[in-house]
Amino acid sequence: MDIALCSLVNEEYAVGLVALLKSLRHHNPGVALPFLVYISRPLSAGARQQLEAAYPRIEYRLIERERYARCRFTNYRDWGMNPAFRYELFRETAYEQLIYLDADMLVHGDIAPLLAFRGALGACPMPPGEGMELRNIGGFNAGLLNIGRAVRTPQIWRQLVELAEANAWSGNQTVLNLVLKQHVQPLPLEYNVGTSHMTPEKLEGARIIHYLGKRKPWQADRPFDRHQMEHAGEAMCATLLQVWNAFAPGVAAQR
């Protein structure tokens, strides 16, 4: 097969993935590619039912957790799952291109050009000053990756795991950048528009919205953290929440 889409979730982030899948079908109704859902533990029957109702071609990939048990990360954020599980993507050999999307994203426009990309690795550049360990040297945002078969090899996978075992990193993004920086081709920024510094102009041009930050829109008690409220503004955060709520689980997206 040629292309598959994919994401990595646990029970909590499956809620975000349902919204992502609904937004994908709403804005790109002709897309019927396989969608691989990487999990480290089986999801509940309710979560699986919602995912499979949102998108017709769900396939589950169960990660062997012990492969990544020695990978080390700081306590910068509690993801609820090992960040190194992302490296499992580089063991997938069935597709020419594997397009990964974080489960805290929404599709907001036509992604046909993204699906047409062919190459070793496509990703959007990070804005200057972002990326924790990468903030002074730059790099790519790993929230969206179009990964070609050329870099999904046992050698690349071992490099990722060995580097993650050698030091305590803030997350998987730094390791991905250090190992794959020579392979990356920049994608247009509209495929990964972060919410932290969102403006009306950026939102209008976004094809994929990335809900950054420790807080997520499905956490109804406080869907945005203080950083986002200060930088994007209260009105923009309200707009972003409205956009996400249109695809929230239990809401029928209008076509």
Protein backbone atom coordinates (compact mmCIF):
# COMPACT_ATOMS: atom_id res chain seq x y z
CA MET A 1 0.00 0.00 0.00
CA ASP A 2 1.05 3.59 -0.59
CA ILE A 3 -0.12 5.83 2.30
CA ALA A 4 -1.55 5.47 5.79
CA LEU A 5 -2.40 8.04 8.45
CA CYS A 6 -1.66 7.37 12.10
CA SER A 7 -1.62 8.66 15.66
CA LEU A 8 -0.56 7.52 19.14
CA VAL A 9 -3.09 7.56 21.99
CA ASN A 10 -4.06 6.30 25.39
CA GLU A 11 -7.59 6.28 26.83
CA GLU A 12 -7.55 10.04 27.55
CA TYR A 13 -6.11 11.12 24.21
CA ALA A 14 -8.54 8.91 22.30
CA VAL A 15 -11.06 11.72 22.93
CA GLY A 16 -8.83 14.11 20.99
CA LEU A 17 -8.33 11.60 18.21
CA VAL A 18 -12.09 11.22 17.73
CA ALA A 19 -12.33 14.98 17.09
CA LEU A 20 -9.32 14.83 14.74
CA LEU A 21 -10.89 12.01 12.71
CA LYS A 22 -14.22 13.81 12.46
CA SER A 23 -12.50 16.98 11.30
CA LEU A 24 -10.53 15.01 8.71
CA ARG A 25 -13.68 13.53 7.20
CA HIS A 26 -15.48 16.88 7.31
CA HIS A 27 -12.82 18.86 5.45
CA ASN A 28 -11.56 16.00 3.22
CA PRO A 29 -14.59 13.76 2.61
CA GLY A 30 -12.87 11.88 -0.20
CA VAL A 31 -10.04 10.60 2.01
CA ALA A 32 -10.47 6.92 2.92
CA LEU A 33 -6.91 5.92 3.78
CA PRO A 34 -6.08 3.43 6.53
CA PHE A 35 -5.68 5.11 9.91
CA LEU A 36 -3.31 3.27 12.28
CA VAL A 37 -3.96 3.87 15.98
CA TYR A 38 -0.87 3.08 18.06
CA ILE A 39 -1.64 2.08 21.64
CA SER A 40 0.40 0.61 24.49
CA ARG A 41 -2.64 -0.83 26.26
CA PRO A 42 -6.01 -1.88 24.83
CA LEU A 43 -8.58 0.91 24.71
CA SER A 44 -11.97 0.56 26.32
CA ALA A 45 -14.86 -0.68 24.23
CA GLY A 46 -16.40 2.80 24.40
CA ALA A 47 -13.28 4.50 23.08
CA ARG A 48 -12.95 1.99 20.22
CA GLN A 49 -16.60 2.43 19.32
CA GLN A 50 -16.23 6.21 19.09
CA LEU A 51 -13.06 5.97 17.00
CA GLU A 52 -14.57 3.46 14.59
CA ALA A 53 -17.75 5.54 14.25
CA ALA A 54 -15.66 8.63 13.45
CA TYR A 55 -13.58 7.00 10.71
CA PRO A 56 -14.23 3.83 8.67
CA ARG A 57 -10.71 2.37 8.35
CA ILE A 58 -9.23 2.16 11.85
CA GLU A 59 -6.45 -0.36 12.47
CA TYR A 60 -4.89 -0.82 15.91
CA ARG A 61 -1.18 -1.34 16.51
CA LEU A 62 -0.28 -2.58 19.99
CA ILE A 63 3.16 -1.39 21.14
CA GLU A 64 5.42 -3.70 23.12
CA ARG A 65 6.13 -1.41 26.07
CA GLU A 66 9.30 -3.17 27.18
CA ARG A 67 11.10 -2.05 24.02
CA TYR A 68 11.10 1.50 25.40
CA ALA A 69 11.37 0.89 29.13
CA ARG A 70 14.91 2.29 29.38
CA CYS A 71 14.21 5.51 27.45
CA ARG A 72 14.49 8.52 29.76
CA PHE A 73 12.57 11.79 29.84
CA THR A 74 12.30 14.66 32.32
CA ASN A 75 9.14 15.51 34.22
CA TYR A 76 8.48 18.51 31.99
CA ARG A 77 5.02 17.14 31.27
CA ASP A 78 2.98 14.12 32.25
CA TRP A 79 1.79 12.64 28.98
CA GLY A 80 0.29 9.55 30.57
CA MET A 81 2.31 7.44 28.12
CA ASN A 82 5.98 6.97 27.36
CA PRO A 83 7.08 9.59 24.76
CA ALA A 84 9.40 6.97 23.26
CA PHE A 85 6.38 5.04 22.00
CA ARG A 86 6.43 7.44 19.03
CA TYR A 87 9.55 5.65 17.78
CA GLU A 88 7.38 2.61 17.05
CA LEU A 89 6.36 4.39 13.83
CA PHE A 90 9.83 3.67 12.48
CA ARG A 91 9.18 -0.07 12.68
CA GLU A 92 6.19 0.19 10.30
CA THR A 93 7.11 -1.14 6.85
CA ALA A 94 3.76 -1.64 5.13
CA TYR A 95 3.39 1.81 3.52
CA GLU A 96 5.48 4.08 1.33
CA GLN A 97 4.44 7.13 3.38
CA LEU A 98 3.19 7.13 6.95
CA ILE A 99 1.58 10.41 8.01
CA TYR A 100 1.58 10.95 11.76
CA LEU A 101 -0.69 13.52 13.46
CA ASP A 102 -0.75 14.33 17.16
CA ALA A 103 -4.13 13.54 18.71
CA ASP A 104 -4.43 17.17 19.87
CA MET A 105 -4.73 18.39 16.28
CA LEU A 106 -7.72 19.25 14.10
CA VAL A 107 -7.84 19.24 10.33
CA HIS A 108 -9.07 22.68 9.26
CA GLY A 109 -8.78 22.59 5.46
CA ASP A 110 -7.73 20.67 2.36
CA ILE A 111 -4.73 18.40 3.02
CA ALA A 112 -4.42 16.95 -0.50
CA PRO A 113 -0.92 18.46 -0.98
CA LEU A 114 0.23 16.85 2.27
CA LEU A 115 -1.04 13.48 1.06
CA ALA A 116 0.81 13.98 -2.23
CA PHE A 117 4.19 14.48 -0.52
CA ARG A 118 6.77 11.82 -1.27
CA GLY A 119 10.13 11.90 0.47
CA ALA A 120 12.14 10.68 3.43
CA LEU A 121 10.59 13.04 5.98
CA GLY A 122 8.32 16.07 5.75
CA ALA A 123 7.69 18.31 8.78
CA CYS A 124 6.98 21.96 9.59
CA PRO A 125 9.81 24.14 10.96
CA MET A 126 9.49 25.33 14.55
CA PRO A 127 9.30 29.05 15.25
CA PRO A 128 12.54 30.53 16.69
CA GLY A 129 12.88 30.08 20.43
CA GLU A 130 10.64 27.02 20.69
CA GLY A 131 11.46 23.37 21.19
CA MET A 132 13.07 23.13 24.62
CA GLU A 133 16.61 21.80 23.94
CA LEU A 134 16.27 22.93 20.31
CA ARG A 135 15.28 26.54 21.02
CA ASN A 136 18.73 27.91 20.19
CA ILE A 137 19.43 25.74 17.13
CA GLY A 138 16.00 25.33 15.54
CA GLY A 139 14.39 22.22 14.17
CA PHE A 140 11.09 20.74 13.09
CA ASN A 141 7.86 20.33 15.02
CA ALA A 142 7.21 16.61 15.42
CA GLY A 143 3.45 16.99 15.89
CA LEU A 144 2.97 16.25 12.20
CA LEU A 145 5.36 13.98 10.34
CA ASN A 146 5.14 12.59 6.82
CA ILE A 147 7.56 9.68 7.15
CA GLY A 148 8.88 7.89 4.09
CA ARG A 149 9.97 4.27 4.03
CA ALA A 150 13.58 5.40 3.54
CA VAL A 151 13.85 6.43 7.22
CA ARG A 152 11.66 3.69 8.67
CA THR A 153 14.49 1.24 9.05
CA PRO A 154 15.92 -0.88 11.87
CA GLN A 155 19.01 1.34 11.88
CA ILE A 156 17.05 4.58 12.36
CA TRP A 157 14.83 2.95 14.99
CA ARG A 158 17.87 1.81 16.97
CA GLN A 159 19.43 5.28 16.78
CA LEU A 160 16.26 6.83 18.19
CA VAL A 161 15.99 4.35 21.06
CA GLU A 162 19.70 4.43 21.93
CA LEU A 163 19.76 8.23 22.03
CA ALA A 164 16.61 8.29 24.18
CA GLU A 165 18.28 5.85 26.58
CA ALA A 166 21.49 7.87 26.78
CA ASN A 167 20.06 11.07 28.27
CA ALA A 168 16.94 12.45 29.96
CA TRP A 169 15.19 14.54 27.29
CA SER A 170 12.18 16.85 27.55
CA GLY A 171 10.29 14.71 25.04
CA ASN A 172 10.54 12.66 21.87
CA GLN A 173 10.79 15.73 19.61
CA THR A 174 14.42 16.51 20.47
CA VAL A 175 15.55 12.96 19.78
CA LEU A 176 13.66 12.87 16.48
CA ASN A 177 15.34 16.12 15.43
CA LEU A 178 18.84 15.01 16.37
CA VAL A 179 18.56 11.72 14.51
CA LEU A 180 16.58 12.86 11.46
CA LYS A 181 17.59 16.48 10.84
CA GLN A 182 19.58 15.59 7.69
CA HIS A 183 16.53 13.87 6.16
CA VAL A 184 13.82 16.47 6.75
CA GLN A 185 12.16 18.51 4.00
CA PRO A 186 10.20 21.54 5.28
CA LEU A 187 6.45 21.51 4.83
CA PRO A 188 4.35 24.71 4.62
CA LEU A 189 3.57 26.06 8.09
CA GLU A 190 -0.18 25.88 7.52
CA TYR A 191 -0.02 22.11 8.14
CA ASN A 192 0.94 22.62 11.79
CA VAL A 193 -0.39 25.92 13.15
CA GLY A 194 0.06 26.05 16.91
CA THR A 195 -2.55 27.63 19.13
CA SER A 196 -0.10 29.35 21.50
CA HIS A 197 0.33 32.44 19.30
CA MET A 198 -2.76 32.05 17.12
CA THR A 199 -4.15 35.09 15.29
CA PRO A 200 -7.25 35.44 13.12
CA GLU A 201 -5.02 35.52 10.04
CA LYS A 202 -3.20 32.32 11.02
CA LEU A 203 -6.46 30.58 11.83
CA GLU A 204 -7.95 31.50 8.47
CA GLY A 205 -4.96 30.04 6.63
CA ALA A 206 -4.50 26.93 8.78
CA ARG A 207 -5.00 23.51 7.24
CA ILE A 208 -4.17 21.74 10.50
CA ILE A 209 -4.53 23.31 13.96
CA HIS A 210 -2.27 22.04 16.75
CA TYR A 211 -3.68 22.53 20.26
CA LEU A 212 -0.41 23.02 22.09
CA GLY A 213 0.16 23.23 25.83
CA LYS A 214 -0.36 21.12 28.91
CA ARG A 215 -4.12 21.67 28.87
CA LYS A 216 -6.30 20.25 26.08
CA PRO A 217 -9.71 21.34 24.77
CA TRP A 218 -11.44 18.18 26.04
CA GLN A 219 -10.43 19.07 29.61
CA ALA A 220 -13.57 21.08 30.25
CA ASP A 221 -12.52 22.45 33.63
CA ARG A 222 -9.65 24.46 32.10
CA PRO A 223 -9.04 23.78 28.39
CA PHE A 224 -6.22 26.33 27.99
CA ASP A 225 -3.27 27.01 30.26
CA ARG A 226 -2.14 30.44 31.44
CA HIS A 227 0.56 30.71 28.74
CA GLN A 228 -1.99 30.29 25.94
CA MET A 229 -4.47 32.68 27.51
CA GLU A 230 -1.77 35.35 27.80
CA HIS A 231 -0.35 34.96 24.28
CA ALA A 232 -3.35 34.06 22.13
CA GLY A 233 -5.84 36.07 24.16
CA GLU A 234 -9.14 35.15 25.76
CA ALA A 235 -11.22 35.85 22.65
CA MET A 236 -9.01 33.68 20.41
CA CYS A 237 -8.99 30.86 22.96
CA ALA A 238 -12.80 30.99 22.98
CA THR A 239 -12.80 30.76 19.17
CA LEU A 240 -10.37 27.83 19.20
CA LEU A 241 -12.51 26.01 21.73
CA GLN A 242 -15.58 26.58 19.59
CA VAL A 243 -13.75 25.14 16.57
CA TRP A 244 -12.76 22.03 18.55
CA ASN A 245 -16.20 21.58 20.11
CA ALA A 246 -17.74 21.32 16.64
CA PHE A 247 -15.98 17.95 16.30
CA ALA A 248 -16.06 16.81 19.92
CA PRO A 249 -17.16 13.24 20.63
CA GLY A 250 -20.93 13.06 20.72
CA VAL A 251 -21.37 16.02 18.33
CA ALA A 252 -22.42 15.32 14.76
CA ALA A 253 -20.17 17.37 12.48
CA GLN A 254 -22.17 19.31 9.92
CA ARG A 255 -21.30 18.66 6.30
